[in-house]
PDB file of N, CA and C in Angstrom:
ATOM      1  N   MET A   1       0.829  -1.195   0.000  1.00  0.00           N
ATOM      2  CA  MET A   1       0.000   0.000   0.000  1.00  0.00           C
ATOM      3  C   MET A   1       0.872   1.256   0.000  1.00  0.00           C
ATOM      4  N   TYR A   2       1.968   1.233   0.791  1.00  0.00           N
ATOM      5  CA  TYR A   2       2.868   2.384   0.861  1.00  0.00           C
ATOM      6  C   TYR A   2       3.441   2.714  -0.507  1.00  0.00           C
ATOM      7  N   ARG A   3       3.801   1.669  -1.268  1.00  0.00           N
ATOM      8  CA  ARG A   3       4.353   1.882  -2.609  1.00  0.00           C
ATOM      9  C   ARG A   3       3.344   2.582  -3.498  1.00  0.00           C
ATOM     10  N   CYS A   4       2.077   2.185  -3.385  1.00  0.00           N
ATOM     11  CA  CYS A   4       1.014   2.790  -4.195  1.00  0.00           C
ATOM     12  C   CYS A   4       0.877   4.284  -3.889  1.00  0.00           C
ATOM     13  N   THR A   5       0.863   4.642  -2.618  1.00  0.00           N
ATOM     14  CA  THR A   5       0.732   6.058  -2.268  1.00  0.00           C
ATOM     15  C   THR A   5       1.976   6.828  -2.673  1.00  0.00           C
ATOM     16  N   ARG A   6       3.153   6.184  -2.582  1.00  0.00           N
ATOM     17  CA  ARG A   6       4.390   6.847  -3.000  1.00  0.00           C
ATOM     18  C   ARG A   6       4.364   7.141  -4.500  1.00  0.00           C
ATOM     19  N   VAL A   7       3.895   6.178  -5.281  1.00  0.00           N
ATOM     20  CA  VAL A   7       3.798   6.362  -6.735  1.00  0.00           C
ATOM     21  C   VAL A   7       2.805   7.476  -7.055  1.00  0.00           C
ATOM     22  N   LEU A   8       1.672   7.464  -6.385  1.00  0.00           N
ATOM     23  CA  LEU A   8       0.665   8.502  -6.637  1.00  0.00           C
ATOM     24  C   LEU A   8       1.175   9.875  -6.214  1.00  0.00           C
ATOM     25  N   ARG A   9       1.889   9.941  -5.089  1.00  0.00           N
ATOM     26  CA  ARG A   9       2.463  11.213  -4.644  1.00  0.00           C
ATOM     27  C   ARG A   9       3.464  11.724  -5.681  1.00  0.00           C
ATOM     28  N   THR A  10       4.253  10.816  -6.238  1.00  0.00           N
ATOM     29  CA  THR A  10       5.215  11.189  -7.276  1.00  0.00           C
ATOM     30  C   THR A  10       4.497  11.721  -8.509  1.00  0.00           C
ATOM     31  N   LYS A  11       3.394  11.084  -8.870  1.00  0.00           N
ATOM     32  CA  LYS A  11       2.604  11.572 -10.013  1.00  0.00           C
ATOM     33  C   LYS A  11       2.061  12.963  -9.733  1.00  0.00           C
ATOM     34  N   LEU A  12       1.567  13.173  -8.525  1.00  0.00           N
ATOM     35  CA  LEU A  12       1.050  14.497  -8.148  1.00  0.00           C
ATOM     36  C   LEU A  12       2.153  15.549  -8.237  1.00  0.00           C
ATOM     37  N   GLU A  13       3.328  15.221  -7.752  1.00  0.00           N
ATOM     38  CA  GLU A  13       4.452  16.154  -7.815  1.00  0.00           C
ATOM     39  C   GLU A  13       4.844  16.448  -9.264  1.00  0.00           C
ATOM     40  N   ALA A  14       4.805  15.423 -10.105  1.00  0.00           N
ATOM     41  CA  ALA A  14       5.146  15.615 -11.523  1.00  0.00           C
ATOM     42  C   ALA A  14       4.126  16.522 -12.208  1.00  0.00           C
ATOM     43  N   VAL A  15       2.867  16.316 -11.907  1.00  0.00           N
ATOM     44  CA  VAL A  15       1.820  17.140 -12.513  1.00  0.00           C
ATOM     45  C   VAL A  15       1.947  18.589 -12.015  1.00  0.00           C
ATOM     46  N   ALA A  16       2.195  18.764 -10.724  1.00  0.00           N
ATOM     47  CA  ALA A  16       2.382  20.111 -10.181  1.00  0.00           C
ATOM     48  C   ALA A  16       3.594  20.777 -10.838  1.00  0.00           C
ATOM     49  N   GLY A  17       4.643  20.013 -11.053  1.00  0.00           N
ATOM     50  CA  GLY A  17       5.818  20.543 -11.744  1.00  0.00           C
ATOM     51  C   GLY A  17       5.510  20.954 -13.172  1.00  0.00           C
ATOM     52  N   ALA A  18       4.660  20.184 -13.841  1.00  0.00           N
ATOM     53  CA  ALA A  18       4.272  20.519 -15.216  1.00  0.00           C
ATOM     54  C   ALA A  18       3.500  21.836 -15.251  1.00  0.00           C
ATOM     55  N   VAL A  19       2.647  22.052 -14.272  1.00  0.00           N
ATOM     56  CA  VAL A  19       1.894  23.312 -14.208  1.00  0.00           C
ATOM     57  C   VAL A  19       2.865  24.468 -13.992  1.00  0.00           C
ATOM     58  N   GLN A  20       3.795  24.304 -13.067  1.00  0.00           N
ATOM     59  CA  GLN A  20       4.770  25.369 -12.806  1.00  0.00           C
ATOM     60  C   GLN A  20       5.615  25.660 -14.039  1.00  0.00           C
ATOM     61  N   GLU A  21       6.014  24.615 -14.738  1.00  0.00           N
ATOM     62  CA  GLU A  21       6.828  24.800 -15.946  1.00  0.00           C
ATOM     63  C   GLU A  21       6.037  25.531 -17.028  1.00  0.00           C
ATOM     64  N   ARG A  22       4.759  25.179 -17.172  1.00  0.00           N
ATOM     65  CA  ARG A  22       3.929  25.836 -18.187  1.00  0.00           C
ATOM     66  C   ARG A  22       3.761  27.318 -17.862  1.00  0.00           C
ATOM     67  N   LEU A  23       3.585  27.636 -16.581  1.00  0.00           N
ATOM     68  CA  LEU A  23       3.464  29.037 -16.174  1.00  0.00           C
ATOM     69  C   LEU A  23       4.776  29.786 -16.406  1.00  0.00           C
ATOM     70  N   LYS A  24       5.898  29.104 -16.198  1.00  0.00           N
ATOM     71  CA  LYS A  24       7.211  29.710 -16.449  1.00  0.00           C
ATOM     72  C   LYS A  24       7.372  30.020 -17.943  1.00  0.00           C
ATOM     73  N   ILE A  25       6.973  29.077 -18.785  1.00  0.00           N
ATOM     74  CA  ILE A  25       7.055  29.281 -20.239  1.00  0.00           C
ATOM     75  C   ILE A  25       6.188  30.464 -20.642  1.00  0.00           C
ATOM     76  N   ARG A  26       4.980  30.551 -20.066  1.00  0.00           N
ATOM     77  CA  ARG A  26       4.091  31.669 -20.377  1.00  0.00           C
ATOM     78  C   ARG A  26       4.742  32.994 -19.981  1.00  0.00           C
ATOM     79  N   ARG A  27       5.318  33.047 -18.779  1.00  0.00           N
ATOM     80  CA  ARG A  27       5.979  34.278 -18.326  1.00  0.00           C
ATOM     81  C   ARG A  27       7.091  34.684 -19.282  1.00  0.00           C
ATOM     82  N   GLN A  28       7.889  33.703 -19.713  1.00  0.00           N
ATOM     83  CA  GLN A  28       8.979  33.997 -20.639  1.00  0.00           C
ATOM     84  C   GLN A  28       8.446  34.521 -21.968  1.00  0.00           C
ATOM     85  N   ASN A  29       7.412  33.866 -22.491  1.00  0.00           N
ATOM     86  CA  ASN A  29       6.834  34.294 -23.765  1.00  0.00           C
ATOM     87  C   ASN A  29       6.227  35.688 -23.658  1.00  0.00           C
ATOM     88  N   ILE A  30       5.512  35.944 -22.553  1.00  0.00           N
ATOM     89  CA  ILE A  30       4.913  37.258 -22.359  1.00  0.00           C
ATOM     90  C   ILE A  30       6.011  38.317 -22.252  1.00  0.00           C
ATOM     91  N   GLY A  31       7.102  37.982 -21.569  1.00  0.00           N
ATOM     92  CA  GLY A  31       8.233  38.912 -21.461  1.00  0.00           C
ATOM     93  C   GLY A  31       8.829  39.239 -22.816  1.00  0.00           C
ATOM     94  N   ARG A  32       9.000  38.220 -23.644  1.00  0.00           N
ATOM     95  CA  ARG A  32       9.548  38.448 -24.987  1.00  0.00           C
ATOM     96  C   ARG A  32       8.598  39.290 -25.838  1.00  0.00           C
ATOM     97  N   ILE A  33       7.322  39.007 -25.725  1.00  0.00           N
ATOM     98  CA  ILE A  33       6.332  39.793 -26.462  1.00  0.00           C
ATOM     99  C   ILE A  33       6.383  41.246 -25.996  1.00  0.00           C
ATOM    100  N   GLY A  34       6.484  41.456 -24.685  1.00  0.00           N
ATOM    101  CA  GLY A  34       6.589  42.812 -24.144  1.00  0.00           C
ATOM    102  C   GLY A  34       7.825  43.529 -24.673  1.00  0.00           C
ATOM    103  N   ASP A  35       8.946  42.816 -24.739  1.00  0.00           N
ATOM    104  CA  ASP A  35      10.175  43.406 -25.287  1.00  0.00           C
ATOM    105  C   ASP A  35       9.973  43.804 -26.747  1.00  0.00           C
ATOM    106  N   ASP A  36       9.346  42.924 -27.513  1.00  0.00           N
ATOM    107  CA  ASP A  36       9.085  43.220 -28.924  1.00  0.00           C
ATOM    108  C   ASP A  36       8.147  44.416 -29.069  1.00  0.00           C
ATOM    109  N   GLN A  37       7.138  44.506 -28.207  1.00  0.00           N
ATOM    110  CA  GLN A  37       6.218  45.635 -28.261  1.00  0.00           C
ATOM    111  C   GLN A  37       6.958  46.938 -27.960  1.00  0.00           C
ATOM    112  N   TYR A  38       7.849  46.890 -26.986  1.00  0.00           N
ATOM    113  CA  TYR A  38       8.629  48.075 -26.638  1.00  0.00           C
ATOM    114  C   TYR A  38       9.487  48.524 -27.823  1.00  0.00           C
ATOM    115  N   LYS A  39      10.158  47.556 -28.457  1.00  0.00           N
ATOM    116  CA  LYS A  39      11.005  47.878 -29.616  1.00  0.00           C
ATOM    117  C   LYS A  39      10.175  48.466 -30.750  1.00  0.00           C
ATOM    118  N   LEU A  40       8.999  47.896 -30.981  1.00  0.00           N
ATOM    119  CA  LEU A  40       8.125  48.423 -32.030  1.00  0.00           C
ATOM    120  C   LEU A  40       7.697  49.857 -31.727  1.00  0.00           C
ATOM    121  N   THR A  41       7.354  50.115 -30.484  1.00  0.00           N
ATOM    122  CA  THR A  41       6.947  51.465 -30.085  1.00  0.00           C
ATOM    123  C   THR A  41       8.080  52.456 -30.327  1.00  0.00           C
ATOM    124  N   GLU A  42       9.298  52.046 -29.986  1.00  0.00           N
ATOM    125  CA  GLU A  42      10.452  52.916 -30.239  1.00  0.00           C
ATOM    126  C   GLU A  42      10.642  53.165 -31.732  1.00  0.00           C
ATOM    127  N   MET A  43      10.494  52.131 -32.526  1.00  0.00           N
ATOM    128  CA  MET A  43      10.647  52.284 -33.976  1.00  0.00           C
ATOM    129  C   MET A  43       9.593  53.236 -34.531  1.00  0.00           C
ATOM    130  N   ILE A  44       8.374  53.088 -34.075  1.00  0.00           N
ATOM    131  CA  ILE A  44       7.286  53.961 -34.542  1.00  0.00           C
ATOM    132  C   ILE A  44       7.587  55.408 -34.161  1.00  0.00           C
ATOM    133  N   GLN A  45       8.078  55.614 -32.943  1.00  0.00           N
ATOM    134  CA  GLN A  45       8.411  56.973 -32.505  1.00  0.00           C
ATOM    135  C   GLN A  45       9.542  57.570 -33.337  1.00  0.00           C
ATOM    136  N   ARG A  46      10.563  56.766 -33.635  1.00  0.00           N
ATOM    137  CA  ARG A  46      11.678  57.264 -34.456  1.00  0.00           C
ATOM    138  C   ARG A  46      11.211  57.632 -35.860  1.00  0.00           C
ATOM    139  N   ILE A  47      10.341  56.802 -36.421  1.00  0.00           N
ATOM    140  CA  ILE A  47       9.822  57.112 -37.762  1.00  0.00           C
ATOM    141  C   ILE A  47       8.977  58.386 -37.708  1.00  0.00           C
ATOM    142  N   SER A  48       8.196  58.544 -36.641  1.00  0.00           N
ATOM    143  CA  SER A  48       7.377  59.757 -36.510  1.00  0.00           C
ATOM    144  C   SER A  48       8.248  60.998 -36.458  1.00  0.00           C
ATOM    145  N   VAL A  49       9.313  60.954 -35.681  1.00  0.00           N
ATOM    146  CA  VAL A  49      10.222  62.106 -35.587  1.00  0.00           C
ATOM    147  C   VAL A  49      10.858  62.370 -36.945  1.00  0.00           C
ATOM    148  N   ALA A  50      11.345  61.315 -37.591  1.00  0.00           N
ATOM    149  CA  ALA A  50      11.976  61.480 -38.901  1.00  0.00           C
ATOM    150  C   ALA A  50      10.967  61.996 -39.929  1.00  0.00           C
ATOM    151  N   ALA A  51       9.729  61.536 -39.847  1.00  0.00           N
ATOM    152  CA  ALA A  51       8.699  61.991 -40.790  1.00  0.00           C
ATOM    153  C   ALA A  51       8.374  63.468 -40.564  1.00  0.00           C
ATOM    154  N   ASN A  52       8.435  63.920 -39.320  1.00  0.00           N
ATOM    155  CA  ASN A  52       8.189  65.343 -39.047  1.00  0.00           C
ATOM    156  C   ASN A  52       9.246  66.230 -39.696  1.00  0.00           C
ATOM    157  N   TYR A  53      10.438  65.681 -39.923  1.00  0.00           N
ATOM    158  CA  TYR A  53      11.517  66.416 -40.598  1.00  0.00           C
ATOM    159  C   TYR A  53      11.609  66.027 -42.078  1.00  0.00           C
ATOM    160  N   HIS A  54      10.594  65.341 -42.544  1.00  0.00           N
ATOM    161  CA  HIS A  54      10.488  64.913 -43.961  1.00  0.00           C
ATOM    162  C   HIS A  54      11.624  63.973 -44.379  1.00  0.00           C
ATOM    163  N   LEU A  55      12.161  63.243 -43.413  1.00  0.00           N
ATOM    164  CA  LEU A  55      13.199  62.265 -43.721  1.00  0.00           C
ATOM    165  C   LEU A  55      12.605  60.877 -43.964  1.00  0.00           C
ATOM    166  N   ARG A  56      11.387  60.660 -43.478  1.00  0.00           N
ATOM    167  CA  ARG A  56      10.658  59.402 -43.660  1.00  0.00           C
ATOM    168  C   ARG A  56       9.205  59.753 -43.937  1.00  0.00           C
ATOM    169  N   GLU A  57       8.442  58.745 -44.286  1.00  0.00           N
ATOM    170  CA  GLU A  57       7.004  58.917 -44.519  1.00  0.00           C
ATOM    171  C   GLU A  57       6.217  58.343 -43.351  1.00  0.00           C
ATOM    172  N   HIS A  58       5.163  59.031 -42.943  1.00  0.00           N
ATOM    173  CA  HIS A  58       4.315  58.524 -41.860  1.00  0.00           C
ATOM    174  C   HIS A  58       3.691  57.175 -42.228  1.00  0.00           C
ATOM    175  N   LYS A  59       3.450  56.961 -43.509  1.00  0.00           N
ATOM    176  CA  LYS A  59       2.813  55.708 -43.924  1.00  0.00           C
ATOM    177  C   LYS A  59       3.700  54.488 -43.657  1.00  0.00           C
ATOM    178  N   GLU A  60       4.982  54.701 -43.432  1.00  0.00           N
ATOM    179  CA  GLU A  60       5.889  53.592 -43.117  1.00  0.00           C
ATOM    180  C   GLU A  60       5.520  52.943 -41.779  1.00  0.00           C
ATOM    181  N   LYS A  61       4.802  53.656 -40.957  1.00  0.00           N
ATOM    182  CA  LYS A  61       4.429  53.133 -39.639  1.00  0.00           C
ATOM    183  C   LYS A  61       3.297  52.114 -39.713  1.00  0.00           C
ATOM    184  N   SER A  62       2.552  52.094 -40.806  1.00  0.00           N
ATOM    185  CA  SER A  62       1.367  51.225 -40.873  1.00  0.00           C
ATOM    186  C   SER A  62       1.724  49.748 -40.677  1.00  0.00           C
ATOM    187  N   GLY A  63       2.803  49.297 -41.279  1.00  0.00           N
ATOM    188  CA  GLY A  63       3.233  47.904 -41.103  1.00  0.00           C
ATOM    189  C   GLY A  63       3.626  47.609 -39.661  1.00  0.00           C
ATOM    190  N   LEU A  64       4.233  48.610 -39.013  1.00  0.00           N
ATOM    191  CA  LEU A  64       4.637  48.432 -37.624  1.00  0.00           C
ATOM    192  C   LEU A  64       3.419  48.394 -36.702  1.00  0.00           C
ATOM    193  N   TYR A  65       2.419  49.214 -37.008  1.00  0.00           N
ATOM    194  CA  TYR A  65       1.181  49.159 -36.215  1.00  0.00           C
ATOM    195  C   TYR A  65       0.522  47.788 -36.361  1.00  0.00           C
ATOM    196  N   SER A  66       0.567  47.253 -37.566  1.00  0.00           N
ATOM    197  CA  SER A  66       0.010  45.925 -37.797  1.00  0.00           C
ATOM    198  C   SER A  66       0.751  44.879 -36.953  1.00  0.00           C
ATOM    199  N   LYS A  67       2.078  44.989 -36.908  1.00  0.00           N
ATOM    200  CA  LYS A  67       2.878  44.070 -36.078  1.00  0.00           C
ATOM    201  C   LYS A  67       2.527  44.234 -34.597  1.00  0.00           C
ATOM    202  N   ALA A  68       2.284  45.466 -34.162  1.00  0.00           N
ATOM    203  CA  ALA A  68       1.926  45.713 -32.761  1.00  0.00           C
ATOM    204  C   ALA A  68       0.606  45.025 -32.429  1.00  0.00           C
ATOM    205  N   PHE A  69      -0.358  45.116 -33.339  1.00  0.00           N
ATOM    206  CA  PHE A  69      -1.629  44.427 -33.119  1.00  0.00           C
ATOM    207  C   PHE A  69      -1.432  42.910 -33.090  1.00  0.00           C
ATOM    208  N   ASP A  70      -0.546  42.413 -33.965  1.00  0.00           N
ATOM    209  CA  ASP A  70      -0.252  40.972 -33.970  1.00  0.00           C
ATOM    210  C   ASP A  70       0.344  40.531 -32.631  1.00  0.00           C
ATOM    211  N   LEU A  71       1.221  41.337 -32.074  1.00  0.00           N
ATOM    212  CA  LEU A  71       1.823  41.001 -30.790  1.00  0.00           C
ATOM    213  C   LEU A  71       0.785  41.008 -29.672  1.00  0.00           C
ATOM    214  N   THR A  72      -0.148  41.951 -29.735  1.00  0.00           N
ATOM    215  CA  THR A  72      -1.223  41.984 -28.742  1.00  0.00           C
ATOM    216  C   THR A  72      -2.072  40.723 -28.847  1.00  0.00           C
ATOM    217  N   ARG A  73      -2.364  40.308 -30.059  1.00  0.00           N
ATOM    218  CA  ARG A  73      -3.130  39.077 -30.268  1.00  0.00           C
ATOM    219  C   ARG A  73      -2.334  37.866 -29.769  1.00  0.00           C
ATOM    220  N   GLU A  74      -1.039  37.861 -30.048  1.00  0.00           N
ATOM    221  CA  GLU A  74      -0.196  36.750 -29.605  1.00  0.00           C
ATOM    222  C   GLU A  74      -0.164  36.673 -28.070  1.00  0.00           C
ATOM    223  N   ARG A  75      -0.166  37.815 -27.421  1.00  0.00           N
ATOM    224  CA  ARG A  75      -0.186  37.823 -25.952  1.00  0.00           C
ATOM    225  C   ARG A  75      -1.481  37.200 -25.432  1.00  0.00           C
ATOM    226  N   ARG A  76      -2.608  37.576 -26.043  1.00  0.00           N
ATOM    227  CA  ARG A  76      -3.889  36.966 -25.644  1.00  0.00           C
ATOM    228  C   ARG A  76      -3.876  35.467 -25.914  1.00  0.00           C
ATOM    229  N   ASP A  77      -3.317  35.076 -27.042  1.00  0.00           N
ATOM    230  CA  ASP A  77      -3.230  33.651 -27.377  1.00  0.00           C
ATOM    231  C   ASP A  77      -2.392  32.887 -26.354  1.00  0.00           C
ATOM    232  N   GLN A  78      -1.319  33.497 -25.885  1.00  0.00           N
ATOM    233  CA  GLN A  78      -0.487  32.862 -24.859  1.00  0.00           C
ATOM    234  C   GLN A  78      -1.299  32.603 -23.599  1.00  0.00           C
ATOM    235  N   ASP A  79      -2.103  33.586 -23.210  1.00  0.00           N
ATOM    236  CA  ASP A  79      -2.943  33.419 -22.022  1.00  0.00           C
ATOM    237  C   ASP A  79      -3.936  32.279 -22.219  1.00  0.00           C
ATOM    238  N   THR A  80      -4.576  32.258 -23.383  1.00  0.00           N
ATOM    239  CA  THR A  80      -5.579  31.233 -23.672  1.00  0.00           C
ATOM    240  C   THR A  80      -4.951  29.845 -23.732  1.00  0.00           C
ATOM    241  N   GLU A  81      -3.830  29.725 -24.439  1.00  0.00           N
ATOM    242  CA  GLU A  81      -3.164  28.427 -24.553  1.00  0.00           C
ATOM    243  C   GLU A  81      -2.663  27.938 -23.199  1.00  0.00           C
ATOM    244  N   CYS A  82      -2.144  28.853 -22.401  1.00  0.00           N
ATOM    245  CA  CYS A  82      -1.668  28.478 -21.069  1.00  0.00           C
ATOM    246  C   CYS A  82      -2.826  27.950 -20.238  1.00  0.00           C
ATOM    247  N   TRP A  83      -3.946  28.640 -20.273  1.00  0.00           N
ATOM    248  CA  TRP A  83      -5.113  28.201 -19.508  1.00  0.00           C
ATOM    249  C   TRP A  83      -5.569  26.824 -19.976  1.00  0.00           C
ATOM    250  N   ARG A  84      -5.624  26.627 -21.282  1.00  0.00           N
ATOM    251  CA  ARG A  84      -6.056  25.342 -21.836  1.00  0.00           C
ATOM    252  C   ARG A  84      -5.119  24.228 -21.392  1.00  0.00           C
ATOM    253  N   ASP A  85      -3.826  24.473 -21.466  1.00  0.00           N
ATOM    254  CA  ASP A  85      -2.845  23.461 -21.055  1.00  0.00           C
ATOM    255  C   ASP A  85      -2.982  23.137 -19.572  1.00  0.00           C
ATOM    256  N   ILE A  86      -3.147  24.160 -18.762  1.00  0.00           N
ATOM    257  CA  ILE A  86      -3.235  23.939 -17.318  1.00  0.00           C
ATOM    258  C   ILE A  86      -4.507  23.190 -16.953  1.00  0.00           C
ATOM    259  N   VAL A  87      -5.600  23.499 -17.619  1.00  0.00           N
ATOM    260  CA  VAL A  87      -6.851  22.783 -17.335  1.00  0.00           C
ATOM    261  C   VAL A  87      -6.688  21.296 -17.629  1.00  0.00           C
ATOM    262  N   LEU A  88      -6.037  20.966 -18.723  1.00  0.00           N
ATOM    263  CA  LEU A  88      -5.817  19.552 -19.053  1.00  0.00           C
ATOM    264  C   LEU A  88      -4.950  18.869 -17.995  1.00  0.00           C
ATOM    265  N   VAL A  89      -3.910  19.541 -17.557  1.00  0.00           N
ATOM    266  CA  VAL A  89      -3.033  18.966 -16.552  1.00  0.00           C
ATOM    267  C   VAL A  89      -3.756  18.855 -15.210  1.00  0.00           C
ATOM    268  N   LEU A  90      -4.569  19.850 -14.882  1.00  0.00           N
ATOM    269  CA  LEU A  90      -5.294  19.813 -13.609  1.00  0.00           C
ATOM    270  C   LEU A  90      -6.286  18.656 -13.554  1.00  0.00           C
ATOM    271  N   ARG A  91      -6.833  18.291 -14.695  1.00  0.00           N
ATOM    272  CA  ARG A  91      -7.705  17.122 -14.727  1.00  0.00           C
ATOM    273  C   ARG A  91      -6.944  15.886 -14.257  1.00  0.00           C
ATOM    274  N   ASP A  92      -5.733  15.718 -14.785  1.00  0.00           N
ATOM    275  CA  ASP A  92      -4.890  14.601 -14.346  1.00  0.00           C
ATOM    276  C   ASP A  92      -4.561  14.735 -12.866  1.00  0.00           C
ATOM    277  N   PHE A  93      -4.253  15.947 -12.437  1.00  0.00           N
ATOM    278  CA  PHE A  93      -3.916  16.179 -11.033  1.00  0.00           C
ATOM    279  C   PHE A  93      -5.061  15.744 -10.121  1.00  0.00           C
ATOM    280  N   LEU A  94      -6.281  16.141 -10.475  1.00  0.00           N
ATOM    281  CA  LEU A  94      -7.427  15.778  -9.648  1.00  0.00           C
ATOM    282  C   LEU A  94      -7.659  14.268  -9.632  1.00  0.00           C
ATOM    283  N   THR A  95      -7.439  13.624 -10.758  1.00  0.00           N
ATOM    284  CA  THR A  95      -7.578  12.168 -10.828  1.00  0.00           C
ATOM    285  C   THR A  95      -6.563  11.490  -9.913  1.00  0.00           C
ATOM    286  N   PHE A  96      -5.295  11.921 -10.024  1.00  0.00           N
ATOM    287  CA  PHE A  96      -4.254  11.331  -9.179  1.00  0.00           C
ATOM    288  C   PHE A  96      -4.491  11.648  -7.706  1.00  0.00           C
ATOM    289  N   TRP A  97      -4.941  12.837  -7.412  1.00  0.00           N
ATOM    290  CA  TRP A  97      -5.192  13.228  -6.027  1.00  0.00           C
ATOM    291  C   TRP A  97      -6.293  12.359  -5.423  1.00  0.00           C
ATOM    292  N   ASP A  98      -7.358  12.135  -6.220  1.00  0.00           N
ATOM    293  CA  ASP A  98      -8.441  11.266  -5.751  1.00  0.00           C
ATOM    294  C   ASP A  98      -7.914   9.862  -5.468  1.00  0.00           C
ATOM    295  N   GLU A  99      -7.136   9.326  -6.395  1.00  0.00           N
ATOM    296  CA  GLU A  99      -6.560   7.997  -6.204  1.00  0.00           C
ATOM    297  C   GLU A  99      -5.641   7.978  -4.978  1.00  0.00           C
ATOM    298  N   TYR A 100      -4.864   9.031  -4.803  1.00  0.00           N
ATOM    299  CA  TYR A 100      -3.949   9.124  -3.670  1.00  0.00           C
ATOM    300  C   TYR A 100      -4.716   9.112  -2.349  1.00  0.00           C
ATOM    301  N   GLU A 101      -5.765   9.913  -2.271  1.00  0.00           N
ATOM    302  CA  GLU A 101      -6.563   9.971  -1.037  1.00  0.00           C
ATOM    303  C   GLU A 101      -7.255   8.636  -0.760  1.00  0.00           C
ATOM    304  N   ARG A 102      -7.738   7.988  -1.809  1.00  0.00           N
ATOM    305  CA  ARG A 102      -8.363   6.673  -1.625  1.00  0.00           C
ATOM    306  C   ARG A 102      -7.353   5.645  -1.133  1.00  0.00           C
ATOM    307  N   ALA A 103      -6.158   5.695  -1.703  1.00  0.00           N
ATOM    308  CA  ALA A 103      -5.111   4.752  -1.284  1.00  0.00           C
ATOM    309  C   ALA A 103      -4.723   5.002   0.173  1.00  0.00           C
ATOM    310  N   LYS A 104      -4.631   6.256   0.558  1.00  0.00           N
ATOM    311  CA  LYS A 104      -4.322   6.563   1.961  1.00  0.00           C
ATOM    312  C   LYS A 104      -5.435   6.062   2.881  1.00  0.00           C
ATOM    313  N   ALA A 105      -6.679   6.254   2.455  1.00  0.00           N
ATOM    314  CA  ALA A 105      -7.815   5.802   3.274  1.00  0.00           C
ATOM    315  C   ALA A 105      -7.813   4.282   3.387  1.00  0.00           C
ATOM    316  N   ARG A 106      -7.537   3.584   2.287  1.00  0.00           N
ATOM    317  CA  ARG A 106      -7.461   2.116   2.332  1.00  0.00           C
ATOM    318  C   ARG A 106      -6.349   1.669   3.268  1.00  0.00           C
ATOM    319  N   GLY A 107      -5.220   2.352   3.181  1.00  0.00           N
ATOM    320  CA  GLY A 107      -4.085   2.006   4.047  1.00  0.00           C
ATOM    321  C   GLY A 107      -4.424   2.217   5.507  1.00  0.00           C
ATOM    322  N   ALA A 108      -5.109   3.336   5.823  1.00  0.00           N
ATOM    323  CA  ALA A 108      -5.503   3.603   7.201  1.00  0.00           C
ATOM    324  C   ALA A 108      -6.513   2.559   7.668  1.00  0.00           C
ATOM    325  N   PHE A 109      -7.438   2.188   6.805  1.00  0.00           N
ATOM    326  CA  PHE A 109      -8.454   1.191   7.137  1.00  0.00           C
ATOM    327  C   PHE A 109      -7.790  -0.163   7.431  1.00  0.00           C
ATOM    328  N   LEU A 110      -6.847  -0.543   6.573  1.00  0.00           N
ATOM    329  CA  LEU A 110      -6.177  -1.846   6.748  1.00  0.00           C
ATOM    330  C   LEU A 110      -5.315  -1.874   8.009  1.00  0.00           C
ATOM    331  N   GLN A 111      -4.775  -0.739   8.389  1.00  0.00           N
ATOM    332  CA  GLN A 111      -3.979  -0.688   9.620  1.00  0.00           C
ATOM    333  C   GLN A 111      -4.859  -0.868  10.845  1.00  0.00           C
ATOM    334  N   ASP A 112      -6.103  -0.355  10.762  1.00  0.00           N
ATOM    335  CA  ASP A 112      -7.030  -0.456  11.883  1.00  0.00           C
ATOM    336  C   ASP A 112      -7.594  -1.862  12.039  1.00  0.00           C
ATOM    337  N   VAL A 113      -7.595  -2.628  10.948  1.00  0.00           N
ATOM    338  CA  VAL A 113      -8.196  -3.968  10.996  1.00  0.00           C
ATOM    339  C   VAL A 113      -7.325  -4.946  11.676  1.00  0.00           C
TER     340      VAL A 113
END
């Protein structure tokens, strides 16, 4: 019985680790997206300044604005995908947790007998 609970506890720890890793990946991706958004904003500002001095055209910014919107969409997608992944893993976690608690209860029952 002890081996069974040990195996289930290990599964629970692995699933919890998977959730933490997925959240870490999301944080990293969101950070990179934020960095890209910052760089795009700087580029747009530089083009605006240059366009005010007739060194560039304001219309050059349109592609960059499109990229900024794409990054915003990608950030939302990261949130959605992370949630979807975590929900799937949590289903496994709840299954293993239920099995773990049942195994502990069986072990306690058998010790009392």
